[in-house]
Amino acid sequence: MQIHGAPLWLAATNCYVVSGDGETGVIVDAPPGLAEISQIVERAGIVPVALLATHGHIDHIGAAGQVTRRYAMVGYLHPDDDWLASDPAAQLRMMFGMQPDGDYAPPERYEALADGMVLDLAGLSLEVLHTPGHTPGHVCFRVADEAVLFSGDHLFAGSIGRTDLPGGDYDALMASMESKIAPLPPETDVLPGHGPATTIARELAANPFLTPFRS
């Protein structure tokens, strides 16, 4: 599996371009900045076939419409976040106090993600884990045979996603963590939506928010 990525936009959101066959790939999260995302794609030398959104916050889907139109591909999002993703420009004004200065129009439609769904794309088998808490429709994407988890804004190195934004729910996040994330194999590499990579073992050992889940 090839993973190419970079932190983009003012929120330093990690955008990943992932390939299992070396020819096609998926984009995991599309922060504002089509040019920067296209640079990652070009450096990877692959053809993107799908956009996978971990959740509907603008720093993860701000360029979703541009990217899906640029590469004539499908975007995937959990429907519980449709209300967030439907108007990225409004989010920009509300969350960042900024006026839109480009194309923030969302994709015409998103394919609906569901818990337990397996996406066979670009030589990858990606399991969808619905992990509400940061947002109602937040998901993580697990590539089990590579022991990799794209955790979005659910789990970070040393921390967890914030729950003080609209739709956030701390109790729901912790319940998701207990049922979906903490039980994963400890060697699982965690690639979060912000910050450095980590592992499940490292977070169970040192992340203060995961203390209740240590065996």
C-alpha atoms as a PDB file:
ATOM      1  CA  MET A   1       0.000   0.000   0.000  1.00  0.00           C
ATOM      2  CA  GLN A   2       1.240   3.471  -0.907  1.00  0.00           C
ATOM      3  CA  ILE A   3       0.296   6.447   1.271  1.00  0.00           C
ATOM      4  CA  HIS A   4       1.094   9.992   0.217  1.00  0.00           C
ATOM      5  CA  GLY A   5      -0.033  12.982   2.210  1.00  0.00           C
ATOM      6  CA  ALA A   6       0.525  16.454   3.562  1.00  0.00           C
ATOM      7  CA  PRO A   7      -1.052  18.849   6.072  1.00  0.00           C
ATOM      8  CA  LEU A   8      -3.025  21.432   4.105  1.00  0.00           C
ATOM      9  CA  TRP A   9      -4.900  24.705   4.616  1.00  0.00           C
ATOM     10  CA  LEU A  10      -4.820  26.875   7.716  1.00  0.00           C
ATOM     11  CA  ALA A  11      -6.059  24.001   9.914  1.00  0.00           C
ATOM     12  CA  ALA A  12      -3.127  21.784   8.820  1.00  0.00           C
ATOM     13  CA  THR A  13      -5.557  19.023   7.911  1.00  0.00           C
ATOM     14  CA  ASN A  14      -3.887  15.829   6.765  1.00  0.00           C
ATOM     15  CA  CYS A  15      -4.948  14.938   3.223  1.00  0.00           C
ATOM     16  CA  TYR A  16      -3.998  11.404   2.210  1.00  0.00           C
ATOM     17  CA  VAL A  17      -3.759   9.856  -1.246  1.00  0.00           C
ATOM     18  CA  VAL A  18      -3.766   6.089  -0.865  1.00  0.00           C
ATOM     19  CA  SER A  19      -3.236   3.310  -3.408  1.00  0.00           C
ATOM     20  CA  GLY A  20      -3.274  -0.442  -3.190  1.00  0.00           C
ATOM     21  CA  ASP A  21      -2.480  -1.209  -6.828  1.00  0.00           C
ATOM     22  CA  GLY A  22      -0.019   1.598  -7.621  1.00  0.00           C
ATOM     23  CA  GLU A  23      -2.171   2.888 -10.449  1.00  0.00           C
ATOM     24  CA  THR A  24      -5.418   4.125  -8.914  1.00  0.00           C
ATOM     25  CA  GLY A  25      -6.095   5.585  -5.513  1.00  0.00           C
ATOM     26  CA  VAL A  26      -8.475   7.209  -3.072  1.00  0.00           C
ATOM     27  CA  ILE A  27      -8.231  10.608  -1.447  1.00  0.00           C
ATOM     28  CA  VAL A  28      -9.001  10.643   2.266  1.00  0.00           C
ATOM     29  CA  ASP A  29     -10.321  14.106   3.184  1.00  0.00           C
ATOM     30  CA  ALA A  30     -10.149  17.194   0.988  1.00  0.00           C
ATOM     31  CA  PRO A  31      -9.405  20.426   2.842  1.00  0.00           C
ATOM     32  CA  PRO A  32      -9.731  23.672   0.882  1.00  0.00           C
ATOM     33  CA  GLY A  33      -7.015  23.866  -1.750  1.00  0.00           C
ATOM     34  CA  LEU A  34      -7.533  21.989  -5.008  1.00  0.00           C
ATOM     35  CA  ALA A  35      -4.079  22.934  -6.288  1.00  0.00           C
ATOM     36  CA  GLU A  36      -2.326  21.496  -3.248  1.00  0.00           C
ATOM     37  CA  ILE A  37      -4.349  18.275  -3.373  1.00  0.00           C
ATOM     38  CA  SER A  38      -3.614  17.934  -7.081  1.00  0.00           C
ATOM     39  CA  GLN A  39       0.102  18.267  -6.326  1.00  0.00           C
ATOM     40  CA  ILE A  40      -0.089  15.296  -3.953  1.00  0.00           C
ATOM     41  CA  VAL A  41      -1.934  13.288  -6.616  1.00  0.00           C
ATOM     42  CA  GLU A  42       0.631  14.191  -9.258  1.00  0.00           C
ATOM     43  CA  ARG A  43       3.572  13.321  -7.026  1.00  0.00           C
ATOM     44  CA  ALA A  44       1.932   9.976  -6.265  1.00  0.00           C
ATOM     45  CA  GLY A  45       1.513   9.299  -9.967  1.00  0.00           C
ATOM     46  CA  ILE A  46      -1.880   7.672  -9.578  1.00  0.00           C
ATOM     47  CA  VAL A  47      -5.427   8.247 -10.809  1.00  0.00           C
ATOM     48  CA  PRO A  48      -7.864   9.011  -7.966  1.00  0.00           C
ATOM     49  CA  VAL A  49     -11.163   7.135  -8.199  1.00  0.00           C
ATOM     50  CA  ALA A  50     -12.950   8.228  -5.008  1.00  0.00           C
ATOM     51  CA  LEU A  51     -12.944  10.802  -2.233  1.00  0.00           C
ATOM     52  CA  LEU A  52     -13.524   9.423   1.261  1.00  0.00           C
ATOM     53  CA  ALA A  53     -14.594  12.023   3.817  1.00  0.00           C
ATOM     54  CA  THR A  54     -14.136  11.179   7.489  1.00  0.00           C
ATOM     55  CA  HIS A  55     -16.671  13.880   8.402  1.00  0.00           C
ATOM     56  CA  GLY A  56     -18.353  17.045   7.241  1.00  0.00           C
ATOM     57  CA  HIS A  57     -16.258  19.853   8.723  1.00  0.00           C
ATOM     58  CA  ILE A  58     -14.975  22.323   6.160  1.00  0.00           C
ATOM     59  CA  ASP A  59     -11.322  21.604   6.883  1.00  0.00           C
ATOM     60  CA  HIS A  60     -12.001  18.049   5.651  1.00  0.00           C
ATOM     61  CA  ILE A  61     -14.479  18.648   2.800  1.00  0.00           C
ATOM     62  CA  GLY A  62     -13.852  22.251   1.721  1.00  0.00           C
ATOM     63  CA  ALA A  63     -12.469  21.106  -1.641  1.00  0.00           C
ATOM     64  CA  ALA A  64     -14.701  18.039  -1.975  1.00  0.00           C
ATOM     65  CA  GLY A  65     -16.748  19.515  -4.786  1.00  0.00           C
ATOM     66  CA  GLN A  66     -13.713  20.751  -6.696  1.00  0.00           C
ATOM     67  CA  VAL A  67     -11.845  17.465  -6.294  1.00  0.00           C
ATOM     68  CA  THR A  68     -14.732  15.230  -7.330  1.00  0.00           C
ATOM     69  CA  ARG A  69     -15.404  17.404 -10.373  1.00  0.00           C
ATOM     70  CA  ARG A  70     -11.723  17.693 -11.307  1.00  0.00           C
ATOM     71  CA  TYR A  71     -11.234  13.932 -11.326  1.00  0.00           C
ATOM     72  CA  ALA A  72     -14.795  12.932 -12.299  1.00  0.00           C
ATOM     73  CA  MET A  73     -15.089  10.675  -9.274  1.00  0.00           C
ATOM     74  CA  VAL A  74     -17.473   9.851  -6.453  1.00  0.00           C
ATOM     75  CA  GLY A  75     -17.410  11.315  -2.951  1.00  0.00           C
ATOM     76  CA  TYR A  76     -18.381   9.268   0.102  1.00  0.00           C
ATOM     77  CA  LEU A  77     -19.763  10.658   3.378  1.00  0.00           C
ATOM     78  CA  HIS A  78     -21.884   9.335   6.220  1.00  0.00           C
ATOM     79  CA  PRO A  79     -25.405  10.793   5.835  1.00  0.00           C
ATOM     80  CA  ASP A  80     -25.508  11.931   9.461  1.00  0.00           C
ATOM     81  CA  ASP A  81     -23.097  14.686   8.378  1.00  0.00           C
ATOM     82  CA  ASP A  82     -25.032  15.782   5.297  1.00  0.00           C
ATOM     83  CA  TRP A  83     -26.273  18.837   7.217  1.00  0.00           C
ATOM     84  CA  LEU A  84     -22.675  19.959   7.761  1.00  0.00           C
ATOM     85  CA  ALA A  85     -21.329  19.214   4.299  1.00  0.00           C
ATOM     86  CA  SER A  86     -24.184  20.783   2.353  1.00  0.00           C
ATOM     87  CA  ASP A  87     -22.864  24.354   2.724  1.00  0.00           C
ATOM     88  CA  PRO A  88     -19.090  24.591   3.250  1.00  0.00           C
ATOM     89  CA  ALA A  89     -19.141  28.345   2.608  1.00  0.00           C
ATOM     90  CA  ALA A  90     -21.504  28.873   5.549  1.00  0.00           C
ATOM     91  CA  GLN A  91     -19.171  26.824   7.735  1.00  0.00           C
ATOM     92  CA  LEU A  92     -16.252  28.984   6.653  1.00  0.00           C
ATOM     93  CA  ARG A  93     -18.068  32.082   7.807  1.00  0.00           C
ATOM     94  CA  MET A  94     -19.359  30.537  11.038  1.00  0.00           C
ATOM     95  CA  MET A  95     -16.307  28.592  12.222  1.00  0.00           C
ATOM     96  CA  PHE A  96     -13.458  30.722  10.903  1.00  0.00           C
ATOM     97  CA  GLY A  97     -15.043  34.152  10.428  1.00  0.00           C
ATOM     98  CA  MET A  98     -13.837  34.176   6.825  1.00  0.00           C
ATOM     99  CA  GLN A  99     -15.609  35.122   3.614  1.00  0.00           C
ATOM    100  CA  PRO A 100     -15.434  32.539   0.801  1.00  0.00           C
ATOM    101  CA  ASP A 101     -12.898  33.555  -1.822  1.00  0.00           C
ATOM    102  CA  GLY A 102     -13.188  30.563  -4.136  1.00  0.00           C
ATOM    103  CA  ASP A 103     -15.300  27.589  -5.163  1.00  0.00           C
ATOM    104  CA  TYR A 104     -16.760  25.898  -2.101  1.00  0.00           C
ATOM    105  CA  ALA A 105     -19.717  24.287  -3.863  1.00  0.00           C
ATOM    106  CA  PRO A 106     -20.134  20.723  -2.558  1.00  0.00           C
ATOM    107  CA  PRO A 107     -20.364  17.651  -4.779  1.00  0.00           C
ATOM    108  CA  GLU A 108     -23.706  17.181  -6.491  1.00  0.00           C
ATOM    109  CA  ARG A 109     -24.213  14.239  -4.154  1.00  0.00           C
ATOM    110  CA  TYR A 110     -22.324  11.955  -1.809  1.00  0.00           C
ATOM    111  CA  GLU A 111     -22.557   8.187  -1.746  1.00  0.00           C
ATOM    112  CA  ALA A 112     -23.737   7.175   1.722  1.00  0.00           C
ATOM    113  CA  LEU A 113     -21.336   5.448   4.078  1.00  0.00           C
ATOM    114  CA  ALA A 114     -22.608   3.022   6.724  1.00  0.00           C
ATOM    115  CA  ASP A 115     -21.015   1.267   9.666  1.00  0.00           C
ATOM    116  CA  GLY A 116     -19.449  -2.023   8.627  1.00  0.00           C
ATOM    117  CA  MET A 117     -19.510  -1.223   4.929  1.00  0.00           C
ATOM    118  CA  VAL A 118     -16.456  -2.431   3.017  1.00  0.00           C
ATOM    119  CA  LEU A 119     -15.274  -0.352   0.061  1.00  0.00           C
ATOM    120  CA  ASP A 120     -13.205  -2.202  -2.517  1.00  0.00           C
ATOM    121  CA  LEU A 121     -11.412   0.630  -4.275  1.00  0.00           C
ATOM    122  CA  ALA A 122      -7.994   1.114  -5.865  1.00  0.00           C
ATOM    123  CA  GLY A 123      -6.777  -2.314  -4.782  1.00  0.00           C
ATOM    124  CA  LEU A 124      -7.787  -1.584  -1.194  1.00  0.00           C
ATOM    125  CA  SER A 125     -10.383  -3.077   1.105  1.00  0.00           C
ATOM    126  CA  LEU A 126     -11.507  -0.242   3.367  1.00  0.00           C
ATOM    127  CA  GLU A 127     -13.825  -0.980   6.272  1.00  0.00           C
ATOM    128  CA  VAL A 128     -16.046   1.875   7.428  1.00  0.00           C
ATOM    129  CA  LEU A 129     -16.245   2.362  11.204  1.00  0.00           C
ATOM    130  CA  HIS A 130     -18.978   4.794  12.228  1.00  0.00           C
ATOM    131  CA  THR A 131     -17.506   6.686  15.173  1.00  0.00           C
ATOM    132  CA  PRO A 132     -19.883   9.500  16.168  1.00  0.00           C
ATOM    133  CA  GLY A 133     -18.786  12.062  18.700  1.00  0.00           C
ATOM    134  CA  HIS A 134     -16.690  14.703  16.961  1.00  0.00           C
ATOM    135  CA  THR A 135     -19.619  14.929  14.549  1.00  0.00           C
ATOM    136  CA  PRO A 136     -22.696  12.680  14.300  1.00  0.00           C
ATOM    137  CA  GLY A 137     -21.547  11.161  11.028  1.00  0.00           C
ATOM    138  CA  HIS A 138     -17.843  10.830  11.727  1.00  0.00           C
ATOM    139  CA  VAL A 139     -16.239   7.668  10.367  1.00  0.00           C
ATOM    140  CA  CYS A 140     -12.814   6.072  10.416  1.00  0.00           C
ATOM    141  CA  PHE A 141     -11.483   3.969   7.555  1.00  0.00           C
ATOM    142  CA  ARG A 142      -9.666   0.744   8.406  1.00  0.00           C
ATOM    143  CA  VAL A 143      -7.432  -1.208   6.041  1.00  0.00           C
ATOM    144  CA  ALA A 144      -7.243  -4.378   8.102  1.00  0.00           C
ATOM    145  CA  ASP A 145      -4.776  -6.330   5.989  1.00  0.00           C
ATOM    146  CA  GLU A 146      -2.307  -3.422   6.219  1.00  0.00           C
ATOM    147  CA  ALA A 147      -3.066  -2.668   9.899  1.00  0.00           C
ATOM    148  CA  VAL A 148      -3.828   0.982   9.098  1.00  0.00           C
ATOM    149  CA  LEU A 149      -6.576   3.233  10.434  1.00  0.00           C
ATOM    150  CA  PHE A 150      -7.428   6.638   9.010  1.00  0.00           C
ATOM    151  CA  SER A 151      -8.907   8.128  12.161  1.00  0.00           C
ATOM    152  CA  GLY A 152     -10.003  11.570  10.983  1.00  0.00           C
ATOM    153  CA  ASP A 153     -10.703  13.778  14.007  1.00  0.00           C
ATOM    154  CA  HIS A 154     -11.676  10.933  16.320  1.00  0.00           C
ATOM    155  CA  LEU A 155      -8.267   9.914  17.665  1.00  0.00           C
ATOM    156  CA  PHE A 156      -5.024  11.904  17.595  1.00  0.00           C
ATOM    157  CA  ALA A 157      -1.552  11.264  18.926  1.00  0.00           C
ATOM    158  CA  GLY A 158      -2.019  12.063  22.602  1.00  0.00           C
ATOM    159  CA  SER A 159      -5.522  13.443  22.287  1.00  0.00           C
ATOM    160  CA  ILE A 160      -9.036  13.043  20.871  1.00  0.00           C
ATOM    161  CA  GLY A 161     -11.337  15.091  18.681  1.00  0.00           C
ATOM    162  CA  ARG A 162     -12.997  18.144  20.177  1.00  0.00           C
ATOM    163  CA  THR A 163     -16.697  17.938  20.951  1.00  0.00           C
ATOM    164  CA  ASP A 164     -17.552  21.592  21.579  1.00  0.00           C
ATOM    165  CA  LEU A 165     -18.576  22.300  17.979  1.00  0.00           C
ATOM    166  CA  PRO A 166     -22.153  21.902  16.666  1.00  0.00           C
ATOM    167  CA  GLY A 167     -23.074  18.216  16.669  1.00  0.00           C
ATOM    168  CA  GLY A 168     -20.252  17.247  19.018  1.00  0.00           C
ATOM    169  CA  ASP A 169     -20.951  14.775  21.828  1.00  0.00           C
ATOM    170  CA  TYR A 170     -18.209  13.731  24.260  1.00  0.00           C
ATOM    171  CA  ASP A 171     -20.108  10.721  25.620  1.00  0.00           C
ATOM    172  CA  ALA A 172     -20.785   9.485  22.092  1.00  0.00           C
ATOM    173  CA  LEU A 173     -17.119   9.911  21.162  1.00  0.00           C
ATOM    174  CA  MET A 174     -15.951   7.919  24.145  1.00  0.00           C
ATOM    175  CA  ALA A 175     -18.517   5.193  23.472  1.00  0.00           C
ATOM    176  CA  SER A 176     -17.253   4.984  19.888  1.00  0.00           C
ATOM    177  CA  MET A 177     -13.690   4.836  21.152  1.00  0.00           C
ATOM    178  CA  GLU A 178     -14.508   1.984  23.510  1.00  0.00           C
ATOM    179  CA  SER A 179     -16.470  -0.104  21.026  1.00  0.00           C
ATOM    180  CA  LYS A 180     -14.720   0.580  17.712  1.00  0.00           C
ATOM    181  CA  ILE A 181     -11.182   1.889  18.210  1.00  0.00           C
ATOM    182  CA  ALA A 182      -9.660   0.672  21.488  1.00  0.00           C
ATOM    183  CA  PRO A 183     -10.263  -3.029  20.609  1.00  0.00           C
ATOM    184  CA  LEU A 184      -8.294  -2.792  17.337  1.00  0.00           C
ATOM    185  CA  PRO A 185      -4.990  -4.708  17.139  1.00  0.00           C
ATOM    186  CA  PRO A 186      -2.345  -2.772  19.069  1.00  0.00           C
ATOM    187  CA  GLU A 187       0.026  -2.729  16.093  1.00  0.00           C
ATOM    188  CA  THR A 188      -2.498  -0.745  14.032  1.00  0.00           C
ATOM    189  CA  ASP A 189      -0.967   2.414  12.584  1.00  0.00           C
ATOM    190  CA  VAL A 190      -3.226   5.411  13.175  1.00  0.00           C
ATOM    191  CA  LEU A 191      -3.124   8.190  10.576  1.00  0.00           C
ATOM    192  CA  PRO A 192      -5.160  11.080  12.015  1.00  0.00           C
ATOM    193  CA  GLY A 193      -6.758  14.120  10.463  1.00  0.00           C
ATOM    194  CA  HIS A 194      -4.281  16.435  12.189  1.00  0.00           C
ATOM    195  CA  GLY A 195      -0.832  15.907  13.613  1.00  0.00           C
ATOM    196  CA  PRO A 196       1.579  12.982  13.497  1.00  0.00           C
ATOM    197  CA  ALA A 197       0.884   9.297  13.040  1.00  0.00           C
ATOM    198  CA  THR A 198       0.691   7.001  16.031  1.00  0.00           C
ATOM    199  CA  THR A 199      -0.394   3.465  16.923  1.00  0.00           C
ATOM    200  CA  ILE A 200      -3.222   1.980  18.938  1.00  0.00           C
ATOM    201  CA  ALA A 201      -0.674   0.526  21.375  1.00  0.00           C
ATOM    202  CA  ARG A 202       0.962   3.899  21.929  1.00  0.00           C
ATOM    203  CA  GLU A 203      -2.344   5.637  22.536  1.00  0.00           C
ATOM    204  CA  LEU A 204      -3.620   2.985  24.920  1.00  0.00           C
ATOM    205  CA  ALA A 205      -0.375   3.301  26.874  1.00  0.00           C
ATOM    206  CA  ALA A 206      -0.011   7.077  26.974  1.00  0.00           C
ATOM    207  CA  ASN A 207      -3.112   8.935  25.798  1.00  0.00           C
ATOM    208  CA  PRO A 208      -4.861  10.217  28.942  1.00  0.00           C
ATOM    209  CA  PHE A 209      -8.281  10.020  27.286  1.00  0.00           C
ATOM    210  CA  LEU A 210      -7.853   6.277  26.671  1.00  0.00           C
ATOM    211  CA  THR A 211      -6.981   5.415  30.263  1.00  0.00           C
ATOM    212  CA  PRO A 212     -10.394   3.731  30.879  1.00  0.00           C
ATOM    213  CA  PHE A 213      -9.740   1.287  28.024  1.00  0.00           C
ATOM    214  CA  ARG A 214      -6.375  -0.065  29.159  1.00  0.00           C
ATOM    215  CA  SER A 215      -6.456  -3.766  29.975  1.00  0.00           C
END
